[in-house]
Amino acid sequence: MEESDFIQRQNKLASLMPETAIVISAAKHMTKSHDNEFLFHQNTHLKYLTGFREPESLLVITQKNGEGVKSHFFVRPKDDFAEMWNGKRLGIELTKEMFKFDYVYDITKAWDIIPALLLGHKKVACDWAEQPELTTKLLKIITSLSGARKKKEHKPTHLLNLSNAIGQLRLIKDSNELQFMRKAAQITNLGHRAAMSVCEPGKTEADVKSFMEYIFRLNGSEDDAYPSIVAGGKNALILHYVENNALLNDKELILIDAGSQFKGYASDVTRTFPINGKFDPIQKEVYEIVLASQKLAIALAKPGSTIPQIHKEVEKVLARGLLDAGLLTSNKEMSRESLEELLLEKDAKDSYALRAYYPHGTSHWLGLDVHDMSPYLDNDLNDLELRPGMVITIEPGLYFNKAHEQIKFKLPLHGIGIRIEDDILITEKGNEILSAAIPKEIMQIEEACKIDHKDFL
């Protein structure tokens, strides 16, 4: 991406928050143990606005009267000793040259400089939830400025939450972002296919996970988009299962929820397939119900639709599919209509029976974050309508663990967990399935499981 793209984003954000100084800090290093740290991941708001990847950095966007929008960036200075231990730093001069910030400063002097930058604005904005320490510091500065005796410049009196405004910008992906997301989906396709090829009874979840993630790296992914879920058998009933170390058993399914990351952008795909490469009749029946609900959801994912509308239609397909297949029974004599109503209609506790078997949502935003940080409601607090350029997931599932007290499932279903997830770009005419190449039809999956895993090397 060009520096001009980031400058344009900064200007757009400033236009959404007039008379406001905007402050965003880098992510913190996270300690793994003692003096060892996890791999650094930049705060995605800062990455979106600047492309800068180093820690200990901070952006202030000012828009004082007569000056226009200005970018002030704080970075670590060059330090030969620190760089010997922890890697190269761009430093002040090179950062200014490469990123075209209006001003670049030493990060160690940030809190001496920032108060003066905030003067001349009526408001200050930061991300309250993601950066509480920064929020506290800015509140103290605003309080101290309110007692200062300068008369010529505005003093900020309000601290606004930044997340909604920048979230609105991040909702619509530009051509560069979509290029990166398509590439991430292509890499994820290879990884999921590799997992299908290497999986067999007697191996472990870790064996499959390791090979899949190796294929991600081999094909250009710099990292996993999120911790991979590789869940054999009953482990698929744990929605965010991350142990990934159990033995894989014959005649069971494996659920893999995993995506590659490319240029910072995430893919997020789930496939469920038989460990031995062949669906049995009950597995096939449940899988087809989930697949039918996903296909309907994808057909509905178009401009003007909302995520809650799509979710509601998915629930109907799942409930009716289970009833049509005779996979659910009731404790007492009930008509088909009454069973469907019990599955789908909320009770006094704002719950309904289907949630015992489908406890999560159908969709979320996707982008720099796997659950991209954008609003789901518009300014009038109505459900946000889908628009071209938005990217969402569609991921229905069914999980048979603990039965609902009034509607039971047939015993052969116990321990089955199936989820199917794709990444969907909303377009002018409908949508584009970014992850369409990854097998999900039963015949496609069974064929993919027959491929020699060495073909991916």
Protein backbone atom coordinates (compact mmCIF):
# COMPACT_ATOMS: atom_id res chain seq x y z
CA MET A 1 0.00 0.00 0.00
CA GLU A 2 1.13 3.57 -0.69
CA GLU A 3 1.74 6.17 2.02
CA SER A 4 -1.01 8.23 0.38
CA ASP A 5 -3.54 5.48 1.21
CA PHE A 6 -2.78 5.82 4.91
CA ILE A 7 -2.86 9.62 4.77
CA GLN A 8 -6.27 9.41 3.11
CA ARG A 9 -7.52 7.17 5.93
CA GLN A 10 -6.25 9.62 8.54
CA ASN A 11 -8.05 12.47 6.78
CA LYS A 12 -11.29 10.48 6.54
CA LEU A 13 -11.16 9.69 10.24
CA ALA A 14 -10.55 13.34 11.09
CA SER A 15 -13.57 14.34 8.98
CA LEU A 16 -15.76 11.98 11.03
CA MET A 17 -14.56 13.59 14.27
CA PRO A 18 -14.29 17.37 13.66
CA GLU A 19 -12.57 19.62 16.21
CA THR A 20 -11.08 16.49 17.77
CA ALA A 21 -7.50 15.43 18.44
CA ILE A 22 -7.22 11.68 17.84
CA VAL A 23 -4.71 9.58 19.80
CA ILE A 24 -3.86 5.92 19.10
CA SER A 25 -1.09 3.94 20.73
CA ALA A 26 0.75 0.83 19.56
CA ALA A 27 -0.08 -2.52 21.09
CA LYS A 28 1.91 -3.65 24.10
CA HIS A 29 4.48 -6.41 24.13
CA MET A 30 2.95 -9.44 25.87
CA THR A 31 5.19 -11.45 28.20
CA LYS A 32 5.26 -15.19 27.63
CA SER A 33 7.51 -16.06 30.56
CA HIS A 34 9.92 -13.93 32.58
CA ASP A 35 11.90 -11.94 29.99
CA ASN A 36 10.54 -13.77 26.92
CA GLU A 37 7.74 -12.20 24.90
CA PHE A 38 5.09 -13.39 22.47
CA LEU A 39 5.43 -12.37 18.83
CA PHE A 40 4.39 -8.72 18.63
CA HIS A 41 1.08 -7.91 16.94
CA GLN A 42 0.38 -4.28 16.19
CA ASN A 43 -2.81 -2.57 17.33
CA THR A 44 -5.00 -2.94 14.26
CA HIS A 45 -6.37 0.62 14.40
CA LEU A 46 -2.80 1.95 14.27
CA LYS A 47 -1.91 -0.52 11.52
CA TYR A 48 -4.98 0.56 9.52
CA LEU A 49 -4.11 4.26 9.79
CA THR A 50 -0.33 4.07 9.35
CA GLY A 51 0.94 0.63 8.30
CA PHE A 52 3.59 1.00 11.02
CA ARG A 53 4.49 -2.31 12.67
CA GLU A 54 6.91 -1.44 15.49
CA PRO A 55 5.95 -1.38 19.18
CA GLU A 56 6.30 1.66 21.43
CA SER A 57 4.79 4.06 18.90
CA LEU A 58 1.90 6.49 19.04
CA LEU A 59 -0.12 8.57 16.57
CA VAL A 60 -1.75 11.94 17.24
CA ILE A 61 -3.93 13.42 14.50
CA THR A 62 -4.55 17.13 14.98
CA GLN A 63 -6.90 19.46 13.09
CA LYS A 64 -6.51 22.91 14.58
CA ASN A 65 -8.13 25.89 12.87
CA GLY A 66 -6.05 27.09 9.96
CA GLU A 67 -3.60 24.18 10.06
CA GLY A 68 -5.61 21.41 8.43
CA VAL A 69 -5.13 17.76 9.37
CA LYS A 70 -1.63 17.00 10.65
CA SER A 71 -0.06 13.70 11.69
CA HIS A 72 2.28 13.56 14.68
CA PHE A 73 4.03 10.23 15.19
CA PHE A 74 6.15 9.06 18.11
CA VAL A 75 8.67 6.22 17.66
CA ARG A 76 11.63 4.61 19.35
CA PRO A 77 14.90 6.35 18.47
CA LYS A 78 17.78 4.36 16.98
CA ASP A 79 19.72 2.44 19.64
CA ASP A 80 22.60 0.19 18.58
CA PHE A 81 22.64 -1.80 21.82
CA ALA A 82 18.87 -2.42 21.90
CA GLU A 83 18.86 -3.30 18.21
CA MET A 84 21.63 -5.85 18.74
CA TRP A 85 19.35 -7.72 21.14
CA ASN A 86 15.88 -7.16 19.73
CA GLY A 87 16.16 -6.22 16.07
CA LYS A 88 16.35 -3.16 13.89
CA ARG A 89 14.37 0.02 14.50
CA LEU A 90 13.46 2.51 11.81
CA GLY A 91 14.15 5.47 14.07
CA ILE A 92 12.90 9.02 13.71
CA GLU A 93 14.45 10.10 10.39
CA LEU A 94 13.67 6.96 8.41
CA THR A 95 10.12 6.78 9.79
CA LYS A 96 9.43 10.33 8.60
CA GLU A 97 10.93 9.59 5.19
CA MET A 98 9.09 6.30 4.65
CA PHE A 99 5.67 7.09 6.11
CA LYS A 100 5.33 10.80 5.26
CA PHE A 101 4.13 11.85 8.71
CA ASP A 102 4.06 15.62 9.16
CA TYR A 103 6.05 15.38 12.38
CA VAL A 104 7.99 12.52 14.00
CA TYR A 105 9.24 12.57 17.59
CA ASP A 106 11.09 10.46 20.13
CA ILE A 107 8.53 8.29 21.98
CA THR A 108 10.28 8.96 25.31
CA LYS A 109 9.24 12.62 25.02
CA ALA A 110 5.62 11.90 24.05
CA TRP A 111 3.96 13.04 27.26
CA ASP A 112 5.92 16.27 27.30
CA ILE A 113 4.71 17.10 23.78
CA ILE A 114 1.15 15.74 23.66
CA PRO A 115 -0.52 18.32 25.97
CA ALA A 116 0.42 21.13 23.57
CA LEU A 117 -0.91 19.10 20.62
CA LEU A 118 -4.30 18.73 22.30
CA LEU A 119 -4.71 22.47 22.83
CA GLY A 120 -6.81 24.09 20.13
CA HIS A 121 -9.30 21.20 20.03
CA LYS A 122 -12.65 20.98 21.76
CA LYS A 123 -12.43 17.20 22.10
CA VAL A 124 -9.95 14.34 22.29
CA ALA A 125 -10.63 10.77 21.10
CA CYS A 126 -9.05 7.41 21.88
CA ASP A 127 -10.16 3.78 22.12
CA TRP A 128 -11.46 3.42 25.67
CA ALA A 129 -11.86 -0.35 25.73
CA GLU A 130 -8.68 -1.35 23.91
CA GLN A 131 -6.35 1.23 25.46
CA PRO A 132 -7.41 1.98 29.05
CA GLU A 133 -3.96 3.22 30.14
CA LEU A 134 -3.89 5.74 27.31
CA THR A 135 -7.44 6.78 28.21
CA THR A 136 -6.42 7.46 31.82
CA LYS A 137 -3.42 9.54 30.75
CA LEU A 138 -5.50 11.63 28.37
CA LEU A 139 -8.14 12.26 31.02
CA LYS A 140 -5.45 13.60 33.33
CA ILE A 141 -4.14 15.91 30.59
CA ILE A 142 -7.64 17.22 29.82
CA THR A 143 -8.19 17.90 33.51
CA SER A 144 -4.87 19.71 33.85
CA LEU A 145 -5.48 21.79 30.71
CA SER A 146 -8.86 22.90 32.00
CA GLY A 147 -7.08 24.67 34.85
CA ALA A 148 -4.50 26.35 32.63
CA ARG A 149 -4.74 30.08 31.99
CA LYS A 150 -4.23 30.17 28.24
CA LYS A 151 -7.06 32.15 26.64
CA LYS A 152 -6.30 32.06 22.93
CA GLU A 153 -6.70 28.34 22.25
CA HIS A 154 -9.57 25.97 22.83
CA LYS A 155 -9.04 23.54 25.68
CA PRO A 156 -10.47 20.05 25.21
CA THR A 157 -13.34 19.30 27.56
CA HIS A 158 -14.55 15.91 26.30
CA LEU A 159 -12.85 12.54 25.80
CA LEU A 160 -14.65 10.63 23.05
CA ASN A 161 -14.53 6.94 22.22
CA LEU A 162 -12.77 6.43 18.91
CA SER A 163 -13.94 2.90 18.16
CA ASN A 164 -17.23 3.64 16.37
CA ALA A 165 -15.75 6.19 13.94
CA ILE A 166 -12.74 4.12 12.93
CA GLY A 167 -14.94 1.03 12.88
CA GLN A 168 -17.12 2.69 10.25
CA LEU A 169 -14.05 3.24 8.06
CA ARG A 170 -12.84 -0.32 8.49
CA LEU A 171 -16.23 -1.76 7.47
CA ILE A 172 -15.70 -1.05 3.77
CA LYS A 173 -12.63 -2.73 2.31
CA ASP A 174 -10.69 -1.00 -0.45
CA SER A 175 -9.11 -2.77 -3.43
CA ASN A 176 -5.79 -3.32 -1.64
CA GLU A 177 -7.49 -4.85 1.38
CA LEU A 178 -9.55 -7.16 -0.80
CA GLN A 179 -6.43 -8.25 -2.66
CA PHE A 180 -4.85 -9.25 0.65
CA MET A 181 -8.01 -11.01 1.85
CA ARG A 182 -8.33 -12.99 -1.37
CA LYS A 183 -4.72 -14.08 -0.99
CA ALA A 184 -5.31 -15.07 2.64
CA ALA A 185 -8.29 -17.18 1.51
CA GLN A 186 -6.19 -18.84 -1.22
CA ILE A 187 -3.55 -19.82 1.33
CA THR A 188 -6.23 -21.05 3.71
CA ASN A 189 -7.63 -23.22 0.92
CA LEU A 190 -4.29 -25.00 0.60
CA GLY A 191 -4.00 -25.46 4.36
CA HIS A 192 -7.48 -26.93 4.77
CA ARG A 193 -7.00 -29.25 1.80
CA ALA A 194 -3.68 -30.35 3.27
CA ALA A 195 -5.40 -31.09 6.58
CA MET A 196 -7.98 -33.26 4.81
CA SER A 197 -5.22 -35.16 3.03
CA VAL A 198 -3.10 -35.87 6.11
CA CYS A 199 -5.90 -36.72 8.55
CA GLU A 200 -6.49 -40.37 9.44
CA PRO A 201 -7.34 -42.48 12.50
CA GLY A 202 -4.40 -42.93 14.87
CA LYS A 203 -2.91 -39.51 14.24
CA THR A 204 -3.43 -36.64 16.64
CA GLU A 205 -5.06 -33.25 16.33
CA ALA A 206 -1.56 -31.82 16.71
CA ASP A 207 -0.33 -33.78 13.67
CA VAL A 208 -3.06 -32.28 11.49
CA LYS A 209 -2.68 -28.78 12.93
CA SER A 210 1.08 -28.74 12.44
CA PHE A 211 0.90 -29.84 8.82
CA MET A 212 -1.88 -27.39 7.98
CA GLU A 213 -0.06 -24.43 9.53
CA TYR A 214 3.18 -25.46 7.83
CA ILE A 215 1.36 -25.28 4.49
CA PHE A 216 0.07 -21.82 5.46
CA ARG A 217 3.67 -20.63 6.00
CA LEU A 218 4.99 -22.42 2.94
CA ASN A 219 2.56 -20.43 0.81
CA GLY A 220 3.23 -16.96 2.18
CA SER A 221 1.19 -16.53 5.36
CA GLU A 222 3.11 -14.56 7.98
CA ASP A 223 0.98 -15.89 10.84
CA ASP A 224 -2.24 -17.66 11.71
CA ALA A 225 -5.19 -15.27 11.80
CA TYR A 226 -6.16 -16.72 15.22
CA PRO A 227 -5.35 -19.83 17.27
CA SER A 228 -6.41 -22.80 15.15
CA ILE A 229 -9.18 -25.07 16.37
CA VAL A 230 -8.53 -28.69 15.40
CA ALA A 231 -11.17 -30.67 17.24
CA GLY A 232 -11.69 -34.39 16.79
CA GLY A 233 -14.87 -36.15 17.93
CA LYS A 234 -16.51 -34.64 21.02
CA ASN A 235 -13.93 -31.87 21.18
CA ALA A 236 -15.93 -30.18 18.41
CA LEU A 237 -18.59 -29.47 21.04
CA ILE A 238 -16.19 -26.94 22.61
CA LEU A 239 -16.64 -23.86 20.43
CA HIS A 240 -13.21 -22.38 21.16
CA TYR A 241 -11.28 -25.60 21.67
CA VAL A 242 -7.53 -24.93 21.56
CA GLU A 243 -5.79 -27.91 23.23
CA ASN A 244 -5.44 -29.57 19.81
CA ASN A 245 -3.62 -32.66 21.11
CA ALA A 246 -6.13 -35.53 21.30
CA LEU A 247 -5.96 -38.82 19.40
CA LEU A 248 -8.12 -38.98 16.28
CA ASN A 249 -10.53 -41.91 16.28
CA ASP A 250 -12.04 -43.91 13.45
CA LYS A 251 -15.70 -43.19 12.56
CA GLU A 252 -15.62 -39.72 14.15
CA LEU A 253 -15.60 -36.26 12.62
CA ILE A 254 -12.95 -33.57 12.92
CA LEU A 255 -13.85 -29.87 12.98
CA ILE A 256 -11.13 -27.46 11.84
CA ASP A 257 -11.64 -23.73 12.33
CA ALA A 258 -8.47 -22.08 11.02
CA GLY A 259 -7.33 -19.28 8.78
CA SER A 260 -4.13 -17.78 7.48
CA GLN A 261 -3.10 -14.15 7.76
CA PHE A 262 -1.65 -12.24 4.83
CA LYS A 263 -0.31 -8.67 5.05
CA GLY A 264 -2.14 -8.44 8.37
CA TYR A 265 -5.54 -9.47 6.95
CA ALA A 266 -7.40 -12.52 8.25
CA SER A 267 -9.24 -15.39 6.71
CA ASP A 268 -11.61 -17.43 8.89
CA VAL A 269 -12.81 -20.80 7.60
CA THR A 270 -14.31 -23.88 9.21
CA ARG A 271 -14.65 -27.31 7.67
CA THR A 272 -15.90 -30.52 9.27
CA PHE A 273 -15.05 -33.87 7.73
CA PRO A 274 -14.71 -37.57 8.64
CA ILE A 275 -11.40 -38.62 10.16
CA ASN A 276 -11.41 -41.80 8.07
CA GLY A 277 -12.43 -39.92 4.92
CA LYS A 278 -15.99 -41.26 4.64
CA PHE A 279 -19.19 -39.83 6.18
CA ASP A 280 -21.49 -42.35 7.81
CA PRO A 281 -25.28 -41.95 7.27
CA ILE A 282 -26.03 -40.00 10.47
CA GLN A 283 -23.02 -37.70 10.00
CA LYS A 284 -24.07 -37.10 6.41
CA GLU A 285 -27.65 -36.29 7.41
CA VAL A 286 -26.65 -33.66 9.98
CA TYR A 287 -23.96 -32.24 7.70
CA GLU A 288 -26.46 -31.72 4.89
CA ILE A 289 -28.77 -29.80 7.25
CA VAL A 290 -25.97 -27.44 8.26
CA LEU A 291 -24.83 -27.06 4.65
CA ALA A 292 -28.37 -26.21 3.51
CA SER A 293 -28.61 -23.50 6.15
CA GLN A 294 -25.25 -22.06 5.10
CA LYS A 295 -26.19 -22.00 1.42
CA LEU A 296 -29.38 -20.10 2.22
CA ALA A 297 -27.45 -17.65 4.39
CA ILE A 298 -24.95 -17.00 1.61
CA ALA A 299 -27.80 -16.38 -0.85
CA LEU A 300 -29.22 -13.80 1.58
CA ALA A 301 -25.89 -12.03 2.10
CA LYS A 302 -26.36 -9.05 -0.19
CA PRO A 303 -26.82 -5.28 0.01
CA GLY A 304 -29.77 -4.34 2.21
CA SER A 305 -29.77 -7.51 4.31
CA THR A 306 -28.75 -7.48 7.96
CA ILE A 307 -26.78 -10.01 9.97
CA PRO A 308 -29.68 -10.68 12.41
CA GLN A 309 -32.05 -11.33 9.48
CA ILE A 310 -29.64 -13.88 8.05
CA HIS A 311 -29.19 -15.54 11.45
CA LYS A 312 -32.95 -15.89 11.92
CA GLU A 313 -33.35 -17.62 8.55
CA VAL A 314 -30.46 -19.98 9.36
CA GLU A 315 -32.19 -20.98 12.59
CA LYS A 316 -35.37 -21.82 10.68
CA VAL A 317 -33.51 -24.09 8.25
CA LEU A 318 -31.67 -25.86 11.07
CA ALA A 319 -34.84 -26.39 13.14
CA ARG A 320 -36.93 -27.60 10.23
CA GLY A 321 -34.13 -29.78 8.93
CA LEU A 322 -33.78 -31.56 12.27
CA LEU A 323 -37.54 -32.05 12.54
CA ASP A 324 -37.93 -33.26 8.94
CA ALA A 325 -35.17 -35.82 9.51
CA GLY A 326 -36.83 -37.04 12.70
CA LEU A 327 -33.69 -36.36 14.73
CA LEU A 328 -35.46 -34.59 17.61
CA THR A 329 -38.05 -35.95 20.01
CA SER A 330 -40.18 -34.39 22.75
CA ASN A 331 -40.86 -35.50 26.32
CA LYS A 332 -44.58 -35.19 25.66
CA GLU A 333 -46.94 -35.49 22.72
CA MET A 334 -46.55 -32.36 20.58
CA SER A 335 -47.54 -31.42 17.05
CA ARG A 336 -44.91 -30.58 14.45
CA GLU A 337 -45.97 -26.92 14.63
CA SER A 338 -45.60 -26.87 18.42
CA LEU A 339 -42.15 -28.43 18.23
CA GLU A 340 -41.00 -25.86 15.70
CA GLU A 341 -42.39 -23.04 17.82
CA LEU A 342 -40.60 -24.38 20.89
CA LEU A 343 -37.35 -24.57 18.94
CA LEU A 344 -37.53 -21.04 17.57
CA GLU A 345 -39.72 -18.84 19.79
CA LYS A 346 -38.16 -17.03 22.74
CA ASP A 347 -39.49 -17.82 26.21
CA ALA A 348 -39.77 -15.59 29.29
CA LYS A 349 -36.02 -15.93 29.83
CA ASP A 350 -35.29 -14.69 26.28
CA SER A 351 -34.12 -18.16 25.28
CA TYR A 352 -35.34 -20.88 22.93
CA ALA A 353 -34.70 -24.59 22.54
CA LEU A 354 -32.62 -24.47 19.36
CA ARG A 355 -29.90 -22.60 21.26
CA ALA A 356 -29.10 -25.89 23.00
CA TYR A 357 -27.88 -27.13 19.61
CA TYR A 358 -26.90 -23.88 17.87
CA PRO A 359 -25.58 -21.55 20.59
CA HIS A 360 -23.63 -18.98 18.55
CA GLY A 361 -24.26 -16.35 15.90
CA THR A 362 -24.06 -16.88 12.16
CA SER A 363 -21.82 -13.99 11.13
CA HIS A 364 -19.22 -11.45 12.17
CA TRP A 365 -17.11 -8.83 10.41
CA LEU A 366 -13.73 -9.88 9.03
CA GLY A 367 -10.64 -7.85 8.18
CA LEU A 368 -7.47 -6.90 10.06
CA ASP A 369 -9.04 -8.62 13.07
CA VAL A 370 -10.68 -12.00 12.74
CA HIS A 371 -13.64 -10.45 14.59
CA ASP A 372 -13.16 -7.09 12.94
CA MET A 373 -13.73 -4.11 15.19
CA SER A 374 -16.69 -2.44 13.49
CA PRO A 375 -20.20 -1.59 14.71
CA TYR A 376 -23.23 -3.81 14.12
CA LEU A 377 -25.72 -0.94 14.61
CA ASP A 378 -26.11 2.30 12.68
CA ASN A 379 -26.28 5.75 14.27
CA ASP A 380 -30.00 5.26 14.96
CA LEU A 381 -29.25 1.95 16.73
CA ASN A 382 -30.86 -0.10 13.97
CA ASP A 383 -29.18 -3.23 12.62
CA LEU A 384 -26.57 -2.17 10.09
CA GLU A 385 -27.50 -3.06 6.52
CA LEU A 386 -24.90 -4.86 4.46
CA ARG A 387 -23.18 -2.74 1.80
CA PRO A 388 -20.71 -3.50 -1.01
CA GLY A 389 -17.17 -3.79 0.32
CA MET A 390 -18.13 -5.34 3.65
CA VAL A 391 -16.71 -8.78 4.46
CA ILE A 392 -18.50 -11.16 6.81
CA THR A 393 -18.29 -14.79 7.83
CA ILE A 394 -21.20 -17.20 7.53
CA GLU A 395 -20.79 -20.10 9.94
CA PRO A 396 -23.85 -22.09 11.01
CA GLY A 397 -23.40 -25.23 13.06
CA LEU A 398 -25.07 -27.95 15.11
CA TYR A 399 -23.68 -29.44 18.31
CA PHE A 400 -25.13 -32.37 20.22
CA ASN A 401 -23.88 -32.45 23.78
CA LYS A 402 -26.42 -31.75 26.52
CA ALA A 403 -30.03 -32.15 25.44
CA HIS A 404 -32.68 -29.47 25.92
CA GLU A 405 -35.03 -30.36 28.77
CA GLN A 406 -38.09 -30.51 26.48
CA ILE A 407 -36.67 -31.46 23.08
CA LYS A 408 -34.18 -34.32 23.04
CA PHE A 409 -31.95 -35.48 20.23
CA LYS A 410 -31.65 -39.09 19.14
CA LEU A 411 -28.80 -40.92 20.83
CA PRO A 412 -26.60 -41.51 17.73
CA LEU A 413 -26.16 -37.72 17.49
CA HIS A 414 -24.42 -37.45 20.85
CA GLY A 415 -20.89 -36.11 20.49
CA ILE A 416 -21.36 -34.77 16.95
CA GLY A 417 -20.36 -31.16 16.30
CA ILE A 418 -20.50 -29.71 12.79
CA ARG A 419 -19.76 -26.17 11.63
CA ILE A 420 -19.26 -24.87 8.08
CA GLU A 421 -17.81 -21.39 7.64
CA ASP A 422 -16.90 -19.24 4.65
CA ASP A 423 -15.71 -15.67 4.11
CA ILE A 424 -18.16 -13.54 2.13
CA LEU A 425 -17.52 -10.23 0.35
CA ILE A 426 -20.68 -8.20 -0.23
CA THR A 427 -20.80 -6.89 -3.81
CA GLU A 428 -23.12 -4.62 -5.81
CA LYS A 429 -24.99 -7.62 -7.24
CA GLY A 430 -24.81 -9.97 -4.26
CA ASN A 431 -21.64 -11.50 -2.92
CA GLU A 432 -18.36 -13.23 -3.64
CA ILE A 433 -17.35 -16.28 -1.60
CA LEU A 434 -13.67 -15.61 -0.94
CA SER A 435 -13.15 -19.15 0.38
CA ALA A 436 -15.19 -20.93 -2.30
CA ALA A 437 -12.26 -23.14 -3.39
CA ILE A 438 -12.19 -25.03 -0.08
CA PRO A 439 -14.19 -28.29 -0.39
CA LYS A 440 -17.48 -28.41 1.50
CA GLU A 441 -19.81 -30.62 -0.55
CA ILE A 442 -19.74 -34.17 0.79
CA MET A 443 -18.39 -35.66 -2.43
CA GLN A 444 -15.72 -32.93 -2.69
CA ILE A 445 -14.59 -33.56 0.88
CA GLU A 446 -14.37 -37.32 0.47
CA GLU A 447 -12.30 -36.85 -2.69
CA ALA A 448 -10.02 -34.33 -0.94
CA CYS A 449 -9.40 -36.82 1.87
CA LYS A 450 -7.99 -39.31 -0.68
CA ILE A 451 -5.22 -36.97 -1.90
CA ASP A 452 -1.63 -37.75 -0.89
CA HIS A 453 -0.48 -35.11 1.60
CA LYS A 454 2.92 -35.04 -0.14
CA ASP A 455 1.24 -33.28 -3.06
CA PHE A 456 1.13 -30.11 -0.93
CA LEU A 457 4.88 -30.03 -0.33
